[in-house]
Amino acid sequence: MPEQVADGRERGHARGLRRVGLAEVYNPSMEPTLLPGDQLLVVYGSRVHAGDVVVVRHPFQHDLLIVKRAAERRDGGWWVLGDNPRVRNDSREFGIVPDELVLARAYLRLRSPRGTQRSVSSALRWSAGAVRPLVRLSGRSRSSLSRRLRAR
């Protein structure tokens, strides 16, 4: 099943400023970096570099928005991959994503609380990791970054 994002909370932009919005992750293709239910703070029209997490229109289903990692620039667009190697809904399946279908770059992950925070210590642990910047993967393997994120 393709990964979908909800993008209904977009903010207007003033002259010279980019539009900012929230997108929600629905599927596991970006695990362990992003989990279903995570919110992303995205900036539309941002410059994309290899390693960035991006929101793109699916090349074959233009009404479907998906979250992927921009792996590398290729002739005519971006090769995008999910961080979860078991889910293949990415460029391995649909090829290069043209530049005009790359909509936004994600800057922050906002993790929603899973279940009720029953103690002060569990609430503090959740709040420490609830907001996290999304880092670029230039020059690093995806698995080493995933291990680093899980260790925090």
N, C-alpha and C. Protein backbone atom coordinates (compact mmCIF):
# COMPACT_ATOMS: atom_id res chain seq x y z
N MET A 1 0.85 -1.19 0.00
CA MET A 1 0.00 0.00 0.00
C MET A 1 0.89 1.24 0.00
N PRO A 2 0.65 2.21 -0.87
CA PRO A 2 1.49 3.41 -0.92
C PRO A 2 1.37 4.24 0.34
N GLU A 3 2.45 4.92 0.64
CA GLU A 3 2.46 5.82 1.80
C GLU A 3 1.74 7.11 1.43
N GLN A 4 0.89 7.58 2.31
CA GLN A 4 0.14 8.80 2.04
C GLN A 4 0.47 9.84 3.10
N VAL A 5 0.30 11.09 2.72
CA VAL A 5 0.44 12.16 3.69
C VAL A 5 -0.78 13.06 3.61
N ALA A 6 -1.21 13.56 4.76
CA ALA A 6 -2.30 14.51 4.79
C ALA A 6 -1.70 15.90 4.85
N ASP A 7 -2.22 16.79 4.07
CA ASP A 7 -1.62 18.11 4.00
C ASP A 7 -2.71 19.17 4.02
N GLY A 8 -3.48 19.22 5.07
CA GLY A 8 -4.57 20.16 5.11
C GLY A 8 -4.29 21.41 5.91
N ARG A 9 -3.13 21.49 6.58
CA ARG A 9 -2.87 22.61 7.47
C ARG A 9 -1.75 23.49 6.93
N GLU A 10 -1.91 23.94 5.75
CA GLU A 10 -0.91 24.75 5.09
C GLU A 10 -1.10 26.21 5.47
N ARG A 11 -0.01 26.93 5.65
CA ARG A 11 -0.09 28.34 6.00
C ARG A 11 0.23 29.19 4.79
N GLY A 12 -0.44 30.32 4.69
CA GLY A 12 -0.18 31.24 3.59
C GLY A 12 1.22 31.80 3.66
N HIS A 13 1.67 32.42 2.59
CA HIS A 13 3.02 32.95 2.59
C HIS A 13 3.03 34.39 2.13
N ALA A 14 3.90 35.15 2.74
CA ALA A 14 4.08 36.54 2.35
C ALA A 14 5.09 36.59 1.21
N ARG A 15 5.19 37.75 0.60
CA ARG A 15 6.11 37.91 -0.51
C ARG A 15 7.54 37.59 -0.05
N GLY A 16 8.21 36.72 -0.81
CA GLY A 16 9.57 36.34 -0.49
C GLY A 16 9.70 35.20 0.51
N LEU A 17 8.63 34.81 1.19
CA LEU A 17 8.68 33.72 2.14
C LEU A 17 8.07 32.47 1.52
N ARG A 18 8.56 31.35 1.91
CA ARG A 18 8.03 30.07 1.40
C ARG A 18 6.86 29.62 2.27
N ARG A 19 5.98 28.82 1.67
CA ARG A 19 4.86 28.27 2.41
C ARG A 19 5.32 27.14 3.31
N VAL A 20 4.77 27.11 4.50
CA VAL A 20 5.08 26.08 5.49
C VAL A 20 3.81 25.29 5.75
N GLY A 21 3.95 23.99 5.96
CA GLY A 21 2.78 23.17 6.23
C GLY A 21 3.14 21.96 7.07
N LEU A 22 2.11 21.19 7.42
CA LEU A 22 2.29 19.93 8.13
C LEU A 22 1.84 18.80 7.23
N ALA A 23 2.58 17.70 7.28
CA ALA A 23 2.21 16.49 6.55
C ALA A 23 2.23 15.35 7.56
N GLU A 24 1.32 14.40 7.40
CA GLU A 24 1.26 13.26 8.31
C GLU A 24 1.71 12.00 7.59
N VAL A 25 2.52 11.22 8.25
CA VAL A 25 3.00 9.95 7.70
C VAL A 25 1.97 8.87 8.03
N TYR A 26 1.59 8.07 7.02
CA TYR A 26 0.59 7.03 7.23
C TYR A 26 1.13 5.62 7.14
N ASN A 27 2.22 5.40 6.41
CA ASN A 27 2.70 4.04 6.17
C ASN A 27 4.14 3.86 6.65
N PRO A 28 4.61 2.62 6.73
CA PRO A 28 5.91 2.33 7.34
C PRO A 28 7.12 2.43 6.40
N SER A 29 7.02 3.01 5.24
CA SER A 29 8.14 2.98 4.30
C SER A 29 9.35 3.80 4.74
N MET A 30 9.18 4.70 5.71
CA MET A 30 10.31 5.50 6.19
C MET A 30 10.77 5.08 7.59
N GLU A 31 10.29 3.93 8.09
CA GLU A 31 10.75 3.44 9.39
C GLU A 31 12.22 3.05 9.27
N PRO A 32 13.03 3.25 10.28
CA PRO A 32 12.71 3.69 11.63
C PRO A 32 12.77 5.21 11.80
N THR A 33 13.15 5.95 10.74
CA THR A 33 13.26 7.40 10.86
C THR A 33 11.92 8.04 11.15
N LEU A 34 10.89 7.63 10.42
CA LEU A 34 9.54 8.17 10.58
C LEU A 34 8.58 7.01 10.81
N LEU A 35 7.63 7.21 11.71
CA LEU A 35 6.64 6.19 12.02
C LEU A 35 5.26 6.67 11.59
N PRO A 36 4.35 5.74 11.28
CA PRO A 36 2.98 6.16 11.01
C PRO A 36 2.44 6.99 12.17
N GLY A 37 1.82 8.10 11.86
CA GLY A 37 1.31 9.02 12.87
C GLY A 37 2.22 10.22 13.11
N ASP A 38 3.48 10.14 12.67
CA ASP A 38 4.37 11.28 12.81
C ASP A 38 3.90 12.43 11.93
N GLN A 39 4.11 13.64 12.41
CA GLN A 39 3.83 14.84 11.63
C GLN A 39 5.16 15.40 11.16
N LEU A 40 5.17 16.01 9.98
CA LEU A 40 6.38 16.63 9.44
C LEU A 40 6.12 18.10 9.20
N LEU A 41 7.04 18.93 9.63
CA LEU A 41 7.00 20.34 9.28
C LEU A 41 7.72 20.45 7.95
N VAL A 42 7.00 20.88 6.91
CA VAL A 42 7.55 20.93 5.55
C VAL A 42 7.54 22.36 5.04
N VAL A 43 8.50 22.64 4.16
CA VAL A 43 8.57 23.94 3.50
C VAL A 43 8.48 23.67 2.00
N TYR A 44 7.45 24.24 1.39
CA TYR A 44 7.22 24.06 -0.04
C TYR A 44 8.21 24.87 -0.86
N GLY A 45 8.68 24.28 -1.95
CA GLY A 45 9.58 24.99 -2.84
C GLY A 45 11.00 25.09 -2.33
N SER A 46 11.35 24.37 -1.27
CA SER A 46 12.73 24.41 -0.75
C SER A 46 13.67 23.69 -1.70
N ARG A 47 14.90 24.12 -1.68
CA ARG A 47 15.94 23.44 -2.45
C ARG A 47 16.17 22.06 -1.83
N VAL A 48 16.27 21.06 -2.67
CA VAL A 48 16.45 19.68 -2.22
C VAL A 48 17.88 19.25 -2.50
N HIS A 49 18.45 18.55 -1.53
CA HIS A 49 19.78 17.97 -1.66
C HIS A 49 19.66 16.47 -1.40
N ALA A 50 20.62 15.72 -1.90
CA ALA A 50 20.63 14.28 -1.63
C ALA A 50 20.64 14.05 -0.13
N GLY A 51 19.78 13.15 0.33
CA GLY A 51 19.67 12.84 1.75
C GLY A 51 18.49 13.50 2.44
N ASP A 52 17.88 14.51 1.81
CA ASP A 52 16.73 15.20 2.40
C ASP A 52 15.48 14.32 2.37
N VAL A 53 14.62 14.48 3.37
CA VAL A 53 13.30 13.86 3.37
C VAL A 53 12.37 14.83 2.64
N VAL A 54 11.64 14.31 1.65
CA VAL A 54 10.82 15.16 0.80
C VAL A 54 9.40 14.61 0.67
N VAL A 55 8.48 15.51 0.33
CA VAL A 55 7.11 15.14 -0.02
C VAL A 55 7.00 15.29 -1.53
N VAL A 56 6.58 14.20 -2.18
CA VAL A 56 6.46 14.20 -3.64
C VAL A 56 5.09 13.69 -4.05
N ARG A 57 4.67 14.09 -5.24
CA ARG A 57 3.48 13.48 -5.85
C ARG A 57 3.91 12.16 -6.46
N HIS A 58 3.11 11.12 -6.26
CA HIS A 58 3.40 9.83 -6.87
C HIS A 58 3.37 10.00 -8.38
N PRO A 59 4.40 9.54 -9.11
CA PRO A 59 4.45 9.76 -10.55
C PRO A 59 3.28 9.18 -11.34
N PHE A 60 2.63 8.13 -10.82
CA PHE A 60 1.53 7.51 -11.55
C PHE A 60 0.16 7.83 -10.95
N GLN A 61 0.12 8.34 -9.73
CA GLN A 61 -1.13 8.71 -9.05
C GLN A 61 -0.95 10.12 -8.51
N HIS A 62 -1.21 11.11 -9.32
CA HIS A 62 -0.90 12.49 -8.95
C HIS A 62 -1.70 13.02 -7.77
N ASP A 63 -2.77 12.34 -7.39
CA ASP A 63 -3.52 12.78 -6.21
C ASP A 63 -2.94 12.20 -4.92
N LEU A 64 -1.92 11.35 -5.02
CA LEU A 64 -1.30 10.71 -3.87
C LEU A 64 0.03 11.37 -3.55
N LEU A 65 0.18 11.87 -2.32
CA LEU A 65 1.44 12.45 -1.86
C LEU A 65 2.17 11.41 -1.03
N ILE A 66 3.48 11.30 -1.22
CA ILE A 66 4.27 10.33 -0.47
C ILE A 66 5.51 10.99 0.12
N VAL A 67 6.01 10.40 1.19
CA VAL A 67 7.22 10.90 1.86
C VAL A 67 8.34 9.91 1.57
N LYS A 68 9.44 10.42 1.06
CA LYS A 68 10.61 9.59 0.74
C LYS A 68 11.87 10.38 1.01
N ARG A 69 13.01 9.70 0.88
CA ARG A 69 14.30 10.35 0.99
C ARG A 69 14.84 10.56 -0.42
N ALA A 70 15.25 11.79 -0.72
CA ALA A 70 15.86 12.09 -2.02
C ALA A 70 17.25 11.46 -2.01
N ALA A 71 17.40 10.35 -2.71
CA ALA A 71 18.66 9.60 -2.65
C ALA A 71 19.72 10.22 -3.54
N GLU A 72 19.34 10.52 -4.79
CA GLU A 72 20.32 11.13 -5.69
C GLU A 72 19.62 11.82 -6.83
N ARG A 73 20.32 12.83 -7.35
CA ARG A 73 19.84 13.60 -8.49
C ARG A 73 20.19 12.81 -9.74
N ARG A 74 19.21 12.62 -10.60
CA ARG A 74 19.44 11.94 -11.87
C ARG A 74 18.91 12.82 -12.99
N ASP A 75 19.23 12.46 -14.19
CA ASP A 75 18.77 13.22 -15.34
C ASP A 75 17.25 13.27 -15.35
N GLY A 76 16.67 14.44 -15.17
CA GLY A 76 15.22 14.60 -15.23
C GLY A 76 14.50 14.57 -13.90
N GLY A 77 15.21 14.38 -12.80
CA GLY A 77 14.52 14.37 -11.52
C GLY A 77 15.32 13.74 -10.41
N TRP A 78 14.57 13.20 -9.42
CA TRP A 78 15.18 12.63 -8.22
C TRP A 78 14.88 11.15 -8.11
N TRP A 79 15.86 10.39 -7.69
CA TRP A 79 15.68 9.00 -7.32
C TRP A 79 15.36 9.02 -5.84
N VAL A 80 14.16 8.56 -5.46
CA VAL A 80 13.72 8.63 -4.07
C VAL A 80 13.58 7.22 -3.50
N LEU A 81 13.95 7.08 -2.23
CA LEU A 81 13.88 5.77 -1.57
C LEU A 81 13.29 5.93 -0.18
N GLY A 82 12.62 4.88 0.29
CA GLY A 82 12.19 4.83 1.67
C GLY A 82 13.33 4.33 2.52
N ASP A 83 13.32 4.63 3.81
CA ASP A 83 14.36 4.15 4.72
C ASP A 83 14.15 2.69 5.12
N ASN A 84 12.94 2.18 4.94
CA ASN A 84 12.61 0.80 5.28
C ASN A 84 12.86 -0.08 4.06
N PRO A 85 13.89 -0.93 4.08
CA PRO A 85 14.21 -1.72 2.89
C PRO A 85 13.16 -2.76 2.53
N ARG A 86 12.25 -3.08 3.45
CA ARG A 86 11.22 -4.09 3.16
C ARG A 86 10.04 -3.52 2.38
N VAL A 87 9.93 -2.19 2.31
CA VAL A 87 8.83 -1.56 1.58
C VAL A 87 9.41 -0.96 0.30
N ARG A 88 8.87 -1.36 -0.85
CA ARG A 88 9.45 -0.97 -2.13
C ARG A 88 8.64 0.09 -2.87
N ASN A 89 7.79 0.81 -2.22
CA ASN A 89 7.01 1.84 -2.90
C ASN A 89 7.85 3.10 -3.05
N ASP A 90 8.84 3.04 -3.95
CA ASP A 90 9.75 4.15 -4.17
C ASP A 90 10.28 4.07 -5.60
N SER A 91 11.39 4.71 -5.89
CA SER A 91 11.89 4.76 -7.26
C SER A 91 12.28 3.39 -7.80
N ARG A 92 12.52 2.42 -6.94
CA ARG A 92 12.77 1.06 -7.42
C ARG A 92 11.54 0.51 -8.11
N GLU A 93 10.38 1.04 -7.77
CA GLU A 93 9.12 0.59 -8.36
C GLU A 93 8.65 1.52 -9.48
N PHE A 94 8.75 2.85 -9.29
CA PHE A 94 8.19 3.78 -10.27
C PHE A 94 9.20 4.67 -10.97
N GLY A 95 10.48 4.52 -10.70
CA GLY A 95 11.51 5.27 -11.42
C GLY A 95 11.74 6.67 -10.88
N ILE A 96 12.32 7.49 -11.70
CA ILE A 96 12.69 8.86 -11.33
C ILE A 96 11.44 9.71 -11.13
N VAL A 97 11.47 10.56 -10.10
CA VAL A 97 10.39 11.51 -9.85
C VAL A 97 10.80 12.84 -10.47
N PRO A 98 10.04 13.33 -11.47
CA PRO A 98 10.38 14.61 -12.10
C PRO A 98 10.40 15.75 -11.09
N ASP A 99 11.24 16.75 -11.34
CA ASP A 99 11.40 17.88 -10.42
C ASP A 99 10.08 18.55 -10.06
N GLU A 100 9.18 18.67 -11.04
CA GLU A 100 7.92 19.36 -10.76
C GLU A 100 7.01 18.59 -9.81
N LEU A 101 7.30 17.31 -9.56
CA LEU A 101 6.51 16.52 -8.61
C LEU A 101 7.11 16.51 -7.21
N VAL A 102 8.28 17.10 -7.03
CA VAL A 102 8.88 17.24 -5.71
C VAL A 102 8.33 18.53 -5.12
N LEU A 103 7.47 18.41 -4.11
CA LEU A 103 6.71 19.55 -3.60
C LEU A 103 7.36 20.27 -2.43
N ALA A 104 7.91 19.51 -1.49
CA ALA A 104 8.37 20.13 -0.25
C ALA A 104 9.51 19.32 0.37
N ARG A 105 10.26 20.01 1.20
CA ARG A 105 11.31 19.36 1.99
C ARG A 105 10.87 19.37 3.44
N ALA A 106 11.07 18.25 4.13
CA ALA A 106 10.71 18.14 5.54
C ALA A 106 11.90 18.58 6.39
N TYR A 107 11.63 19.39 7.41
CA TYR A 107 12.68 19.90 8.28
C TYR A 107 12.61 19.33 9.69
N LEU A 108 11.39 19.10 10.19
CA LEU A 108 11.22 18.59 11.56
C LEU A 108 10.25 17.43 11.58
N ARG A 109 10.54 16.48 12.46
CA ARG A 109 9.60 15.39 12.73
C ARG A 109 8.95 15.68 14.07
N LEU A 110 7.63 15.61 14.11
CA LEU A 110 6.87 15.81 15.34
C LEU A 110 6.20 14.47 15.67
N ARG A 111 6.67 13.81 16.69
CA ARG A 111 6.15 12.49 17.04
C ARG A 111 5.00 12.63 18.00
N SER A 112 3.86 12.02 17.65
CA SER A 112 2.71 12.08 18.55
C SER A 112 2.91 11.05 19.67
N PRO A 113 2.34 11.31 20.85
CA PRO A 113 2.49 10.34 21.94
C PRO A 113 1.75 9.05 21.59
N ARG A 114 2.39 7.93 21.82
CA ARG A 114 1.78 6.63 21.58
C ARG A 114 1.15 6.16 22.89
N GLY A 115 -0.16 6.18 22.96
CA GLY A 115 -0.83 5.78 24.20
C GLY A 115 -0.73 6.89 25.24
N THR A 116 -1.14 6.60 26.42
CA THR A 116 -1.14 7.57 27.50
C THR A 116 0.21 7.55 28.21
N GLN A 117 0.75 8.74 28.49
CA GLN A 117 2.00 8.84 29.24
C GLN A 117 1.64 8.66 30.71
N ARG A 118 1.99 7.51 31.28
CA ARG A 118 1.52 7.15 32.62
C ARG A 118 2.37 7.71 33.75
N SER A 119 3.59 8.10 33.46
CA SER A 119 4.43 8.62 34.54
C SER A 119 5.15 9.87 34.05
N VAL A 120 5.67 10.60 34.99
CA VAL A 120 6.41 11.81 34.65
C VAL A 120 7.65 11.44 33.83
N SER A 121 8.33 10.37 34.22
CA SER A 121 9.55 9.99 33.50
C SER A 121 9.24 9.57 32.06
N SER A 122 8.15 8.83 31.83
CA SER A 122 7.82 8.45 30.46
C SER A 122 7.39 9.68 29.64
N ALA A 123 6.70 10.62 30.27
CA ALA A 123 6.33 11.85 29.57
C ALA A 123 7.56 12.67 29.21
N LEU A 124 8.55 12.71 30.11
CA LEU A 124 9.79 13.43 29.83
C LEU A 124 10.59 12.76 28.71
N ARG A 125 10.65 11.41 28.72
CA ARG A 125 11.36 10.69 27.65
C ARG A 125 10.69 10.96 26.31
N TRP A 126 9.35 10.94 26.29
CA TRP A 126 8.64 11.22 25.04
C TRP A 126 8.92 12.65 24.58
N SER A 127 8.84 13.62 25.49
CA SER A 127 9.02 15.02 25.08
C SER A 127 10.44 15.28 24.58
N ALA A 128 11.42 14.55 25.08
CA ALA A 128 12.81 14.74 24.63
C ALA A 128 12.98 14.35 23.16
N GLY A 129 12.20 13.39 22.70
CA GLY A 129 12.34 12.95 21.31
C GLY A 129 11.16 13.31 20.43
N ALA A 130 10.19 14.05 20.96
CA ALA A 130 8.97 14.34 20.20
C ALA A 130 9.23 15.24 19.00
N VAL A 131 10.14 16.18 19.14
CA VAL A 131 10.48 17.08 18.03
C VAL A 131 11.94 16.83 17.69
N ARG A 132 12.19 16.46 16.45
CA ARG A 132 13.56 16.14 16.06
C ARG A 132 13.80 16.65 14.65
N PRO A 133 14.92 17.34 14.43
CA PRO A 133 15.24 17.78 13.06
C PRO A 133 15.55 16.57 12.20
N LEU A 134 15.21 16.65 10.94
CA LEU A 134 15.52 15.58 9.99
C LEU A 134 16.85 15.91 9.35
N VAL A 135 17.80 15.01 9.48
CA VAL A 135 19.15 15.27 9.00
C VAL A 135 19.35 14.65 7.62
N ARG A 136 20.26 15.23 6.91
CA ARG A 136 20.64 14.76 5.59
C ARG A 136 21.54 13.55 5.72
N LEU A 137 21.51 12.66 4.76
CA LEU A 137 22.32 11.45 4.81
C LEU A 137 23.50 11.50 3.87
N SER A 138 24.03 12.65 3.56
CA SER A 138 25.14 12.73 2.63
C SER A 138 26.38 12.08 3.24
N GLY A 139 26.94 11.14 2.51
CA GLY A 139 28.17 10.51 2.93
C GLY A 139 28.02 9.46 4.02
N ARG A 140 26.80 9.14 4.45
CA ARG A 140 26.58 8.13 5.48
C ARG A 140 25.64 7.07 4.95
N SER A 141 25.78 5.89 5.47
CA SER A 141 24.83 4.85 5.09
C SER A 141 23.54 5.07 5.87
N ARG A 142 22.42 4.67 5.29
CA ARG A 142 21.15 4.82 5.97
C ARG A 142 21.10 4.00 7.24
N SER A 143 21.71 2.81 7.23
CA SER A 143 21.62 1.96 8.41
C SER A 143 22.38 2.56 9.59
N SER A 144 23.52 3.21 9.36
CA SER A 144 24.25 3.79 10.49
C SER A 144 23.48 4.95 11.10
N LEU A 145 22.80 5.75 10.28
CA LEU A 145 21.99 6.83 10.82
C LEU A 145 20.80 6.27 11.59
N SER A 146 20.17 5.22 11.06
CA SER A 146 19.03 4.62 11.75
C SER A 146 19.44 4.09 13.11
N ARG A 147 20.60 3.45 13.18
CA ARG A 147 21.08 2.95 14.48
C ARG A 147 21.32 4.12 15.43
N ARG A 148 21.88 5.21 14.93
CA ARG A 148 22.15 6.38 15.76
C ARG A 148 20.85 6.98 16.29
N LEU A 149 19.83 7.06 15.43
CA LEU A 149 18.56 7.63 15.86
C LEU A 149 17.87 6.73 16.89
N ARG A 150 17.97 5.41 16.71
CA ARG A 150 17.34 4.49 17.67
C ARG A 150 18.05 4.55 19.01
N ALA A 151 19.35 4.81 19.00
CA ALA A 151 20.11 4.81 20.24
C ALA A 151 19.80 6.02 21.12
N ARG A 152 19.25 7.07 20.54
CA ARG A 152 18.97 8.29 21.32
C ARG A 152 17.75 8.15 22.18
